[in-house]
C-alpha atoms as a PDB file:
ATOM      1  CA  MET A   1      89.429  84.721  85.122  1.00  0.00           C
ATOM      2  CA  HIS A   2      93.866  84.477  86.289  1.00  0.00           C
ATOM      3  CA  SER A   3      92.846  83.700  90.183  1.00  0.00           C
ATOM      4  CA  ARG A   4      90.365  81.182  88.893  1.00  0.00           C
ATOM      5  CA  VAL A   5      93.007  79.241  87.359  1.00  0.00           C
ATOM      6  CA  THR A   6      95.689  80.229  90.049  1.00  0.00           C
ATOM      7  CA  ASN A   7      92.911  78.439  92.364  1.00  0.00           C
ATOM      8  CA  LEU A   8      92.742  74.716  90.155  1.00  0.00           C
ATOM      9  CA  ALA A   9      96.109  74.465  90.160  1.00  0.00           C
ATOM     10  CA  ALA A  10      97.042  75.148  93.576  1.00  0.00           C
ATOM     11  CA  PHE A  11      93.547  72.566  94.145  1.00  0.00           C
ATOM     12  CA  LEU A  12      95.549  70.052  91.760  1.00  0.00           C
ATOM     13  CA  GLY A  13      98.973  70.132  93.557  1.00  0.00           C
ATOM     14  CA  PHE A  14      97.298  70.092  96.801  1.00  0.00           C
ATOM     15  CA  GLY A  15      95.759  66.854  96.213  1.00  0.00           C
ATOM     16  CA  ALA A  16      98.114  65.654  94.255  1.00  0.00           C
ATOM     17  CA  ILE A  17     100.854  65.669  97.269  1.00  0.00           C
ATOM     18  CA  LEU A  18      97.673  64.181  99.617  1.00  0.00           C
ATOM     19  CA  LEU A  19      97.962  61.376  97.427  1.00  0.00           C
ATOM     20  CA  ALA A  20     101.538  61.320  97.053  1.00  0.00           C
ATOM     21  CA  LEU A  21     101.881  61.686 100.877  1.00  0.00           C
ATOM     22  CA  PRO A  22     101.411  58.203 102.295  1.00  0.00           C
ATOM     23  CA  HIS A  23     104.121  56.024  99.746  1.00  0.00           C
ATOM     24  CA  THR A  24     106.324  58.401 101.416  1.00  0.00           C
ATOM     25  CA  LEU A  25     106.050  57.837 105.031  1.00  0.00           C
ATOM     26  CA  SER A  26     106.761  54.401 106.852  1.00  0.00           C
ATOM     27  CA  PHE A  27     103.756  51.967 107.699  1.00  0.00           C
ATOM     28  CA  SER A  28     103.814  53.977 111.435  1.00  0.00           C
ATOM     29  CA  GLN A  29     104.081  56.464 109.860  1.00  0.00           C
ATOM     30  CA  GLN A  30     100.748  55.725 107.330  1.00  0.00           C
ATOM     31  CA  GLU A  31      98.850  55.211 109.943  1.00  0.00           C
ATOM     32  CA  ILE A  32      99.102  57.925 112.196  1.00  0.00           C
ATOM     33  CA  LEU A  33      98.373  59.916 108.605  1.00  0.00           C
ATOM     34  CA  VAL A  34      95.115  58.069 108.669  1.00  0.00           C
ATOM     35  CA  PHE A  35      93.906  59.037 112.424  1.00  0.00           C
ATOM     36  CA  LEU A  36      95.279  62.645 111.491  1.00  0.00           C
ATOM     37  CA  THR A  37      92.368  62.355 108.731  1.00  0.00           C
ATOM     38  CA  ILE A  38      89.640  61.520 110.401  1.00  0.00           C
ATOM     39  CA  ASN A  39      90.514  64.078 113.643  1.00  0.00           C
ATOM     40  CA  VAL A  40      90.256  66.551 110.582  1.00  0.00           C
ATOM     41  CA  LEU A  41      86.391  65.569 109.997  1.00  0.00           C
ATOM     42  CA  VAL A  42      86.185  65.665 114.121  1.00  0.00           C
ATOM     43  CA  VAL A  43      87.571  69.023 114.687  1.00  0.00           C
ATOM     44  CA  ALA A  44      85.616  70.634 110.936  1.00  0.00           C
ATOM     45  CA  SER A  45      82.367  69.292 112.676  1.00  0.00           C
ATOM     46  CA  TYR A  46      83.253  70.797 115.866  1.00  0.00           C
ATOM     47  CA  ARG A  47      83.314  74.342 114.364  1.00  0.00           C
ATOM     48  CA  LEU A  48      80.273  73.154 112.576  1.00  0.00           C
ATOM     49  CA  LEU A  49      78.457  73.334 115.789  1.00  0.00           C
ATOM     50  CA  THR A  50      80.161  76.453 117.370  1.00  0.00           C
ATOM     51  CA  LEU A  51      78.542  78.693 114.445  1.00  0.00           C
ATOM     52  CA  THR A  52      75.994  78.798 116.671  1.00  0.00           C
ATOM     53  CA  GLY A  53      77.595  80.360 119.478  1.00  0.00           C
ATOM     54  CA  GLU A  54      77.943  77.085 121.765  1.00  0.00           C
ATOM     55  CA  TRP A  55      80.347  74.433 122.820  1.00  0.00           C
ATOM     56  CA  SER A  56      80.160  71.252 123.355  1.00  0.00           C
ATOM     57  CA  LEU A  57      81.996  69.107 125.890  1.00  0.00           C
ATOM     58  CA  GLY A  58      80.127  66.084 124.286  1.00  0.00           C
ATOM     59  CA  HIS A  59      81.228  65.818 120.820  1.00  0.00           C
ATOM     60  CA  VAL A  60      83.982  62.893 121.380  1.00  0.00           C
ATOM     61  CA  VAL A  61      81.225  60.839 122.832  1.00  0.00           C
ATOM     62  CA  ILE A  62      78.965  61.434 120.504  1.00  0.00           C
ATOM     63  CA  MET A  63      81.567  60.800 118.007  1.00  0.00           C
ATOM     64  CA  GLY A  64      81.558  57.687 120.134  1.00  0.00           C
ATOM     65  CA  VAL A  65      77.576  56.989 119.386  1.00  0.00           C
ATOM     66  CA  GLY A  66      78.256  56.717 115.557  1.00  0.00           C
ATOM     67  CA  ALA A  67      81.364  54.419 116.283  1.00  0.00           C
ATOM     68  CA  TYR A  68      79.275  52.189 117.971  1.00  0.00           C
ATOM     69  CA  ALA A  69      76.609  52.373 116.318  1.00  0.00           C
ATOM     70  CA  SER A  70      78.365  51.493 112.794  1.00  0.00           C
ATOM     71  CA  ALA A  71      79.778  48.766 114.773  1.00  0.00           C
ATOM     72  CA  LEU A  72      76.692  47.114 116.376  1.00  0.00           C
ATOM     73  CA  LEU A  73      75.125  47.541 113.018  1.00  0.00           C
ATOM     74  CA  SER A  74      77.691  45.399 111.232  1.00  0.00           C
ATOM     75  CA  LYS A  75      78.542  42.959 113.342  1.00  0.00           C
ATOM     76  CA  ARG A  76      75.446  41.985 114.738  1.00  0.00           C
ATOM     77  CA  LEU A  77      72.761  42.518 112.348  1.00  0.00           C
ATOM     78  CA  GLY A  78      75.570  41.399 109.291  1.00  0.00           C
ATOM     79  CA  ILE A  79      75.029  45.337 107.437  1.00  0.00           C
ATOM     80  CA  TYR A  80      77.491  46.003 104.778  1.00  0.00           C
ATOM     81  CA  VAL A  81      80.405  47.814 106.296  1.00  0.00           C
ATOM     82  CA  PRO A  82      79.887  51.082 104.458  1.00  0.00           C
ATOM     83  CA  ALA A  83      76.265  51.227 105.195  1.00  0.00           C
ATOM     84  CA  SER A  84      76.569  50.774 109.030  1.00  0.00           C
ATOM     85  CA  MET A  85      79.206  53.677 108.656  1.00  0.00           C
ATOM     86  CA  LEU A  86      76.288  56.479 107.211  1.00  0.00           C
ATOM     87  CA  LEU A  87      73.577  54.778 109.720  1.00  0.00           C
ATOM     88  CA  GLY A  88      76.215  55.506 112.499  1.00  0.00           C
ATOM     89  CA  ALA A  89      76.301  58.731 111.649  1.00  0.00           C
ATOM     90  CA  VAL A  90      72.182  59.243 111.091  1.00  0.00           C
ATOM     91  CA  THR A  91      71.839  57.515 114.813  1.00  0.00           C
ATOM     92  CA  ALA A  92      74.743  60.279 116.022  1.00  0.00           C
ATOM     93  CA  ALA A  93      72.451  62.621 114.686  1.00  0.00           C
ATOM     94  CA  MET A  94      69.411  61.339 115.872  1.00  0.00           C
ATOM     95  CA  VAL A  95      70.786  60.986 119.805  1.00  0.00           C
ATOM     96  CA  ALA A  96      72.206  65.085 119.526  1.00  0.00           C
ATOM     97  CA  LEU A  97      67.996  65.500 118.434  1.00  0.00           C
ATOM     98  CA  ALA A  98      66.998  63.632 121.568  1.00  0.00           C
ATOM     99  CA  LEU A  99      69.483  65.489 123.814  1.00  0.00           C
ATOM    100  CA  SER A 100      68.386  68.569 122.048  1.00  0.00           C
ATOM    101  CA  PHE A 101      65.505  69.440 124.072  1.00  0.00           C
ATOM    102  CA  PRO A 102      66.626  69.579 127.346  1.00  0.00           C
ATOM    103  CA  LEU A 103      70.320  71.248 126.290  1.00  0.00           C
ATOM    104  CA  PHE A 104      69.079  73.781 124.679  1.00  0.00           C
ATOM    105  CA  ARG A 105      67.305  74.734 127.539  1.00  0.00           C
ATOM    106  CA  MET A 106      70.955  76.053 128.146  1.00  0.00           C
ATOM    107  CA  LYS A 107      73.317  78.208 126.678  1.00  0.00           C
ATOM    108  CA  GLY A 108      76.618  79.224 127.207  1.00  0.00           C
ATOM    109  CA  PHE A 109      78.560  78.138 130.150  1.00  0.00           C
ATOM    110  CA  TYR A 110      75.778  75.662 131.071  1.00  0.00           C
ATOM    111  CA  PHE A 111      75.035  74.286 127.832  1.00  0.00           C
ATOM    112  CA  LEU A 112      78.923  73.650 127.995  1.00  0.00           C
ATOM    113  CA  ILE A 113      78.582  71.806 131.347  1.00  0.00           C
ATOM    114  CA  GLY A 114      75.006  69.923 130.851  1.00  0.00           C
ATOM    115  CA  SER A 115      76.866  68.150 127.428  1.00  0.00           C
ATOM    116  CA  PHE A 116      79.480  67.454 129.890  1.00  0.00           C
ATOM    117  CA  ALA A 117      77.140  64.938 131.593  1.00  0.00           C
ATOM    118  CA  ALA A 118      75.287  64.348 129.003  1.00  0.00           C
ATOM    119  CA  GLY A 119      77.860  62.390 127.031  1.00  0.00           C
ATOM    120  CA  GLU A 120      79.447  61.251 130.375  1.00  0.00           C
ATOM    121  CA  ILE A 121      76.058  59.551 131.113  1.00  0.00           C
ATOM    122  CA  ILE A 122      75.928  58.113 127.952  1.00  0.00           C
ATOM    123  CA  ARG A 123      79.414  56.616 128.361  1.00  0.00           C
ATOM    124  CA  LEU A 124      78.144  54.781 132.309  1.00  0.00           C
ATOM    125  CA  LEU A 125      75.409  53.458 129.571  1.00  0.00           C
ATOM    126  CA  TRP A 126      78.461  51.534 128.047  1.00  0.00           C
ATOM    127  CA  LYS A 127      80.146  50.699 130.367  1.00  0.00           C
ATOM    128  CA  ARG A 128      77.137  49.304 132.357  1.00  0.00           C
ATOM    129  CA  PHE A 129      75.838  47.389 130.051  1.00  0.00           C
ATOM    130  CA  ARG A 130      77.507  44.200 128.506  1.00  0.00           C
ATOM    131  CA  GLU A 131      74.600  43.580 126.081  1.00  0.00           C
ATOM    132  CA  PRO A 132      75.413  44.517 123.596  1.00  0.00           C
ATOM    133  CA  PHE A 133      78.266  47.750 124.227  1.00  0.00           C
ATOM    134  CA  GLY A 134      80.450  45.244 125.935  1.00  0.00           C
ATOM    135  CA  GLY A 135      80.955  46.883 129.095  1.00  0.00           C
ATOM    136  CA  PRO A 136      84.478  48.353 129.944  1.00  0.00           C
ATOM    137  CA  LYS A 137      86.390  46.274 127.746  1.00  0.00           C
ATOM    138  CA  GLY A 138      83.686  47.666 124.803  1.00  0.00           C
ATOM    139  CA  ILE A 139      83.582  45.639 121.466  1.00  0.00           C
ATOM    140  CA  LYS A 140      86.215  43.700 120.216  1.00  0.00           C
ATOM    141  CA  LYS A 141      86.939  42.480 116.104  1.00  0.00           C
ATOM    142  CA  ILE A 142      84.845  44.725 114.538  1.00  0.00           C
ATOM    143  CA  ASP A 143      84.041  44.134 110.831  1.00  0.00           C
ATOM    144  CA  PRO A 144      86.363  45.836 108.812  1.00  0.00           C
ATOM    145  CA  MET A 145      85.993  47.434 105.577  1.00  0.00           C
ATOM    146  CA  PRO A 146      85.376  44.651 102.581  1.00  0.00           C
ATOM    147  CA  ASP A 147      88.666  44.760  99.997  1.00  0.00           C
ATOM    148  CA  PHE A 148      87.691  45.388  96.219  1.00  0.00           C
ATOM    149  CA  ASP A 149      89.277  46.338  93.046  1.00  0.00           C
ATOM    150  CA  ILE A 150      88.009  49.741  91.128  1.00  0.00           C
ATOM    151  CA  GLY A 151      90.505  48.131  88.431  1.00  0.00           C
ATOM    152  CA  ILE A 152      93.587  51.008  88.334  1.00  0.00           C
ATOM    153  CA  TYR A 153      93.887  50.350  92.266  1.00  0.00           C
ATOM    154  CA  ALA A 154      93.028  47.314  94.594  1.00  0.00           C
ATOM    155  CA  PHE A 155      91.877  48.165  98.305  1.00  0.00           C
ATOM    156  CA  ASP A 156      92.724  46.245 100.773  1.00  0.00           C
ATOM    157  CA  PHE A 157      92.010  47.467 104.022  1.00  0.00           C
ATOM    158  CA  PHE A 158      94.320  45.851 106.220  1.00  0.00           C
ATOM    159  CA  GLU A 159      96.675  48.439 104.895  1.00  0.00           C
ATOM    160  CA  PRO A 160      96.908  51.806 105.803  1.00  0.00           C
ATOM    161  CA  ILE A 161      97.441  53.187 102.600  1.00  0.00           C
ATOM    162  CA  SER A 162      94.194  51.753 101.185  1.00  0.00           C
ATOM    163  CA  TYR A 163      91.809  53.303 104.200  1.00  0.00           C
ATOM    164  CA  TYR A 164      93.660  56.963 104.244  1.00  0.00           C
ATOM    165  CA  TYR A 165      92.619  56.671 100.716  1.00  0.00           C
ATOM    166  CA  PHE A 166      89.161  55.990 101.800  1.00  0.00           C
ATOM    167  CA  ALA A 167      89.185  58.081 104.352  1.00  0.00           C
ATOM    168  CA  LEU A 168      90.524  60.584 102.614  1.00  0.00           C
ATOM    169  CA  ALA A 169      87.462  60.615  99.999  1.00  0.00           C
ATOM    170  CA  VAL A 170      84.699  60.760 103.008  1.00  0.00           C
ATOM    171  CA  VAL A 171      86.123  62.942 104.681  1.00  0.00           C
ATOM    172  CA  GLY A 172      86.590  64.999 101.791  1.00  0.00           C
ATOM    173  CA  VAL A 173      83.048  65.223 100.472  1.00  0.00           C
ATOM    174  CA  SER A 174      82.321  65.656 104.165  1.00  0.00           C
ATOM    175  CA  LEU A 175      84.670  68.586 104.873  1.00  0.00           C
ATOM    176  CA  TRP A 176      82.761  70.108 101.125  1.00  0.00           C
ATOM    177  CA  VAL A 177      78.830  69.439 102.378  1.00  0.00           C
ATOM    178  CA  MET A 178      79.918  71.612 105.218  1.00  0.00           C
ATOM    179  CA  TRP A 179      81.858  74.317 103.556  1.00  0.00           C
ATOM    180  CA  ARG A 180      78.637  74.625 101.617  1.00  0.00           C
ATOM    181  CA  ILE A 181      76.246  74.575 104.037  1.00  0.00           C
ATOM    182  CA  GLU A 182      78.547  77.287 106.359  1.00  0.00           C
ATOM    183  CA  ARG A 183      78.291  79.374 102.766  1.00  0.00           C
ATOM    184  CA  SER A 184      74.291  78.722 102.503  1.00  0.00           C
ATOM    185  CA  PRO A 185      71.798  80.802 103.787  1.00  0.00           C
ATOM    186  CA  VAL A 186      71.513  78.407 106.686  1.00  0.00           C
ATOM    187  CA  GLY A 187      75.513  78.891 107.297  1.00  0.00           C
ATOM    188  CA  LEU A 188      74.115  82.484 107.331  1.00  0.00           C
ATOM    189  CA  THR A 189      71.739  81.873 110.237  1.00  0.00           C
ATOM    190  CA  PHE A 190      73.852  80.241 112.344  1.00  0.00           C
ATOM    191  CA  HIS A 191      76.593  83.549 112.486  1.00  0.00           C
ATOM    192  CA  ALA A 192      73.360  85.708 112.810  1.00  0.00           C
ATOM    193  CA  VAL A 193      72.664  83.157 116.037  1.00  0.00           C
ATOM    194  CA  HIS A 194      75.884  83.611 117.025  1.00  0.00           C
ATOM    195  CA  TRP A 195      76.219  87.391 117.120  1.00  0.00           C
ATOM    196  CA  GLN A 196      72.836  88.717 116.984  1.00  0.00           C
ATOM    197  CA  ASP A 197      70.592  85.932 118.351  1.00  0.00           C
ATOM    198  CA  LYS A 198      68.646  88.815 119.430  1.00  0.00           C
ATOM    199  CA  LEU A 199      67.651  90.918 116.256  1.00  0.00           C
ATOM    200  CA  ALA A 200      67.907  87.305 114.663  1.00  0.00           C
ATOM    201  CA  GLU A 201      65.356  86.172 116.622  1.00  0.00           C
ATOM    202  CA  ALA A 202      63.217  89.683 116.693  1.00  0.00           C
ATOM    203  CA  SER A 203      63.669  88.783 112.636  1.00  0.00           C
ATOM    204  CA  GLY A 204      62.134  85.918 112.706  1.00  0.00           C
ATOM    205  CA  VAL A 205      64.540  83.083 112.918  1.00  0.00           C
ATOM    206  CA  ASN A 206      63.566  80.412 115.253  1.00  0.00           C
ATOM    207  CA  VAL A 207      67.382  80.623 117.198  1.00  0.00           C
ATOM    208  CA  ARG A 208      66.517  77.574 119.307  1.00  0.00           C
ATOM    209  CA  ALA A 209      65.307  75.542 115.992  1.00  0.00           C
ATOM    210  CA  TYR A 210      68.517  76.665 114.328  1.00  0.00           C
ATOM    211  CA  ARG A 211      71.388  75.844 117.464  1.00  0.00           C
ATOM    212  CA  THR A 212      69.772  72.415 116.978  1.00  0.00           C
ATOM    213  CA  LEU A 213      70.037  71.684 113.274  1.00  0.00           C
ATOM    214  CA  ALA A 214      73.861  72.874 113.833  1.00  0.00           C
ATOM    215  CA  PHE A 215      74.243  70.290 117.008  1.00  0.00           C
ATOM    216  CA  VAL A 216      72.303  67.636 115.024  1.00  0.00           C
ATOM    217  CA  LEU A 217      74.548  68.566 111.763  1.00  0.00           C
ATOM    218  CA  ALA A 218      77.531  68.207 114.057  1.00  0.00           C
ATOM    219  CA  SER A 219      76.895  65.666 115.449  1.00  0.00           C
ATOM    220  CA  GLY A 220      76.019  63.537 111.990  1.00  0.00           C
ATOM    221  CA  PHE A 221      79.837  64.336 110.562  1.00  0.00           C
ATOM    222  CA  ALA A 222      81.059  63.795 114.029  1.00  0.00           C
ATOM    223  CA  GLY A 223      79.003  60.135 113.818  1.00  0.00           C
ATOM    224  CA  LEU A 224      80.712  59.096 110.804  1.00  0.00           C
ATOM    225  CA  SER A 225      84.273  60.059 112.174  1.00  0.00           C
ATOM    226  CA  GLY A 226      83.666  57.318 114.812  1.00  0.00           C
ATOM    227  CA  ALA A 227      82.343  54.818 112.595  1.00  0.00           C
ATOM    228  CA  LEU A 228      85.697  55.085 110.047  1.00  0.00           C
ATOM    229  CA  LEU A 229      88.206  54.825 113.519  1.00  0.00           C
ATOM    230  CA  ALA A 230      85.371  52.135 114.677  1.00  0.00           C
ATOM    231  CA  HIS A 231      86.331  50.308 111.526  1.00  0.00           C
ATOM    232  CA  TYR A 232      89.915  50.597 111.441  1.00  0.00           C
ATOM    233  CA  ILE A 233      90.990  50.007 114.717  1.00  0.00           C
ATOM    234  CA  GLY A 234      88.139  46.742 114.664  1.00  0.00           C
ATOM    235  CA  THR A 235      88.071  47.594 118.646  1.00  0.00           C
ATOM    236  CA  ILE A 236      86.476  50.239 120.941  1.00  0.00           C
ATOM    237  CA  ASN A 237      85.468  50.711 124.293  1.00  0.00           C
ATOM    238  CA  PRO A 238      84.351  53.509 126.310  1.00  0.00           C
ATOM    239  CA  ASN A 239      87.526  55.279 126.983  1.00  0.00           C
ATOM    240  CA  SER A 240      88.318  55.623 123.616  1.00  0.00           C
ATOM    241  CA  PHE A 241      86.015  58.761 124.456  1.00  0.00           C
ATOM    242  CA  ASP A 242      86.555  60.156 127.480  1.00  0.00           C
ATOM    243  CA  VAL A 243      87.172  63.365 128.258  1.00  0.00           C
ATOM    244  CA  GLU A 244      91.044  63.848 127.452  1.00  0.00           C
ATOM    245  CA  GLN A 245      90.329  63.321 124.059  1.00  0.00           C
ATOM    246  CA  MET A 246      87.352  65.819 124.147  1.00  0.00           C
ATOM    247  CA  VAL A 247      90.280  68.364 126.142  1.00  0.00           C
ATOM    248  CA  PHE A 248      92.360  67.245 122.887  1.00  0.00           C
ATOM    249  CA  VAL A 249      89.462  68.251 120.377  1.00  0.00           C
ATOM    250  CA  LEU A 250      89.391  71.525 122.213  1.00  0.00           C
ATOM    251  CA  THR A 251      92.902  72.398 122.291  1.00  0.00           C
ATOM    252  CA  TRP A 252      93.146  71.829 118.070  1.00  0.00           C
ATOM    253  CA  THR A 253      90.430  73.856 117.493  1.00  0.00           C
ATOM    254  CA  ILE A 254      91.079  76.585 119.857  1.00  0.00           C
ATOM    255  CA  VAL A 255      95.024  76.615 118.793  1.00  0.00           C
ATOM    256  CA  GLY A 256      93.668  76.414 115.352  1.00  0.00           C
ATOM    257  CA  GLY A 257      91.135  79.116 115.618  1.00  0.00           C
ATOM    258  CA  THR A 258      87.277  79.136 114.368  1.00  0.00           C
ATOM    259  CA  ALA A 259      87.133  82.307 112.703  1.00  0.00           C
ATOM    260  CA  THR A 260      87.935  80.319 109.125  1.00  0.00           C
ATOM    261  CA  PHE A 261      86.335  76.943 107.997  1.00  0.00           C
ATOM    262  CA  TYR A 262      90.730  75.724 107.935  1.00  0.00           C
ATOM    263  CA  GLY A 263      91.423  77.749 111.454  1.00  0.00           C
ATOM    264  CA  PRO A 264      90.875  73.800 112.927  1.00  0.00           C
ATOM    265  CA  ILE A 265      91.739  71.701 110.538  1.00  0.00           C
ATOM    266  CA  LEU A 266      95.259  73.400 110.706  1.00  0.00           C
ATOM    267  CA  GLY A 267      95.659  73.514 114.812  1.00  0.00           C
ATOM    268  CA  CYS A 268      95.271  69.713 114.229  1.00  0.00           C
ATOM    269  CA  VAL A 269      97.504  69.194 111.675  1.00  0.00           C
ATOM    270  CA  VAL A 270     100.292  71.394 113.245  1.00  0.00           C
ATOM    271  CA  LEU A 271      99.768  69.784 116.860  1.00  0.00           C
ATOM    272  CA  THR A 272      99.258  66.052 115.199  1.00  0.00           C
ATOM    273  CA  ILE A 273     102.561  66.791 114.048  1.00  0.00           C
ATOM    274  CA  LEU A 274     104.368  68.725 117.177  1.00  0.00           C
ATOM    275  CA  ASN A 275     103.532  65.283 118.950  1.00  0.00           C
ATOM    276  CA  GLU A 276     104.432  62.785 116.939  1.00  0.00           C
ATOM    277  CA  ILE A 277     107.188  64.117 115.392  1.00  0.00           C
ATOM    278  CA  VAL A 278     108.827  66.101 118.599  1.00  0.00           C
ATOM    279  CA  LEU A 279     107.406  64.783 121.713  1.00  0.00           C
ATOM    280  CA  ARG A 280     107.291  60.925 120.348  1.00  0.00           C
ATOM    281  CA  GLU A 281     110.485  61.452 119.691  1.00  0.00           C
ATOM    282  CA  ALA A 282     112.302  63.754 122.374  1.00  0.00           C
ATOM    283  CA  GLY A 283     110.391  60.892 125.023  1.00  0.00           C
ATOM    284  CA  PHE A 284     107.693  63.179 126.459  1.00  0.00           C
ATOM    285  CA  GLU A 285     104.534  61.893 124.277  1.00  0.00           C
ATOM    286  CA  GLN A 286     103.541  61.000 128.158  1.00  0.00           C
ATOM    287  CA  MET A 287     103.682  64.580 128.818  1.00  0.00           C
ATOM    288  CA  ARG A 288     101.217  65.548 126.079  1.00  0.00           C
ATOM    289  CA  PRO A 289      98.447  67.012 127.809  1.00  0.00           C
ATOM    290  CA  LEU A 290     100.531  68.906 130.546  1.00  0.00           C
ATOM    291  CA  ILE A 291     102.495  70.322 127.342  1.00  0.00           C
ATOM    292  CA  TYR A 292      98.744  70.632 125.168  1.00  0.00           C
ATOM    293  CA  GLY A 293      97.552  72.878 128.211  1.00  0.00           C
ATOM    294  CA  LEU A 294     100.472  75.197 128.089  1.00  0.00           C
ATOM    295  CA  ILE A 295     100.397  75.402 124.438  1.00  0.00           C
ATOM    296  CA  LEU A 296      96.337  76.299 125.351  1.00  0.00           C
ATOM    297  CA  ILE A 297      96.917  79.144 127.598  1.00  0.00           C
ATOM    298  CA  LEU A 298     100.019  80.579 125.527  1.00  0.00           C
ATOM    299  CA  SER A 299      97.692  80.519 122.377  1.00  0.00           C
ATOM    300  CA  VAL A 300      94.722  82.700 124.407  1.00  0.00           C
ATOM    301  CA  LEU A 301      97.358  84.804 126.067  1.00  0.00           C
ATOM    302  CA  PHE A 302      99.333  85.399 123.196  1.00  0.00           C
ATOM    303  CA  MET A 303      97.406  84.228 119.671  1.00  0.00           C
ATOM    304  CA  PRO A 304      93.640  84.602 120.301  1.00  0.00           C
ATOM    305  CA  LYS A 305      92.764  84.317 116.845  1.00  0.00           C
ATOM    306  CA  GLY A 306      94.485  81.332 116.186  1.00  0.00           C
ATOM    307  CA  LEU A 307      97.252  79.855 113.874  1.00  0.00           C
ATOM    308  CA  GLU A 308      94.521  81.205 110.864  1.00  0.00           C
ATOM    309  CA  SER A 309      95.839  84.828 111.899  1.00  0.00           C
ATOM    310  CA  LEU A 310      99.246  83.858 110.856  1.00  0.00           C
ATOM    311  CA  VAL A 311      97.874  82.528 107.214  1.00  0.00           C
ATOM    312  CA  ARG A 312      95.604  85.775 107.375  1.00  0.00           C
ATOM    313  CA  GLY A 313      98.147  87.899 108.136  1.00  0.00           C
ATOM    314  CA  ALA A 314     100.731  86.356 105.721  1.00  0.00           C
ATOM    315  CA  LEU A 315      98.046  86.666 103.050  1.00  0.00           C
ATOM    316  CA  SER A 316      97.297  89.987 103.540  1.00  0.00           C
ATOM    317  CA  TRP A 317     100.904  91.032 103.275  1.00  0.00           C
ATOM    318  CA  ARG A 318     101.440  89.368 100.505  1.00  0.00           C
ATOM    319  CA  ASN A 319      98.220  90.847  98.353  1.00  0.00           C
ATOM    320  CA  ALA A 320      99.668  94.381 100.158  1.00  0.00           C
ATOM    321  CA  GLY A 321     103.183  93.751  98.344  1.00  0.00           C
ATOM    322  CA  LYS A 322     100.956  92.986  95.065  1.00  0.00           C
ATOM    323  CA  LYS A 323      98.919  95.983  95.270  1.00  0.00           C
ATOM    324  CA  LYS A 324     102.435  98.133  95.592  1.00  0.00           C
ATOM    325  CA  VAL A 325     103.945  96.517  93.152  1.00  0.00           C
ATOM    326  CA  GLY A 326     100.328  97.093  90.925  1.00  0.00           C
ATOM    327  CA  GLU A 327     100.666 100.551  91.670  1.00  0.00           C
ATOM    328  CA  THR A 328     104.530 101.291  91.598  1.00  0.00           C
ATOM    329  CA  GLU A 329     104.243  99.650  87.463  1.00  0.00           C
ATOM    330  CA  ALA A 330     101.150 101.525  86.861  1.00  0.00           C
ATOM    331  CA  THR A 331     102.762 105.388  87.814  1.00  0.00           C
ATOM    332  CA  GLU A 332     105.915 104.106  85.310  1.00  0.00           C
END
């Protein structure tokens, strides 16, 4: 009972910090906070895919599918923006389902290369066709989120604070859904497919179907993050979802670690702070790919389990200390 009360208090405290945080930042920092919130959904969805043991180089392109679909649905068909965002996520999931038929004939390294090739084909289609994708210049003047008033707060989505609250709500619900999926029988089967695929197959598990399911679910959430991005910045183009952006997602995920739900999120937050506060202030922002590559190499060599291993080590040390204190008090 005591631990539940403590966890609830910690959750409420963390929520209060997230709500108050944008009011302590400058306008440019508030915009960075919006992008960080969206990127958290990207890396969390990417980890959902990796639960089955497959790593993709096309995840950011799938994010772009959601962005393009939502932008076109709202701009060309006049669909209400929140509805177009959900339809963008569904479109990304459907594209992933179509891609799964050729891609899941491969696994491991071959799946990685195949996903990269599939992503580049999609990006080349965006560049090739000016109608409806806008060609190399992409889509501009994307419909923004419509303002609304809930009584206690008036949302003006041209302001980063309002969009941050909206994105925080969407990402929070998405993270909760992904967390529940991972702890459901479906999520446990994902882990079984990753670590013991032959045994799982022998037990009657359709390994390919579960890998496809993880791919489709992860792509749906990635598409939702792309829709959030498109309707915030108001313009997208094929270069917004190129392999350089994918490398950043990979770096966040690997540096953070994939053994826990919070690992990739931790990597995304820490490296974003490093980039925006340290590299940008020091004038090294143009060297970000080089520095990220160095961080990735050092992480693999000296911290192969990611930043999450430091958190788990600190928690184990604290629990051991509490246990020792309890034993001492019991003996006295």
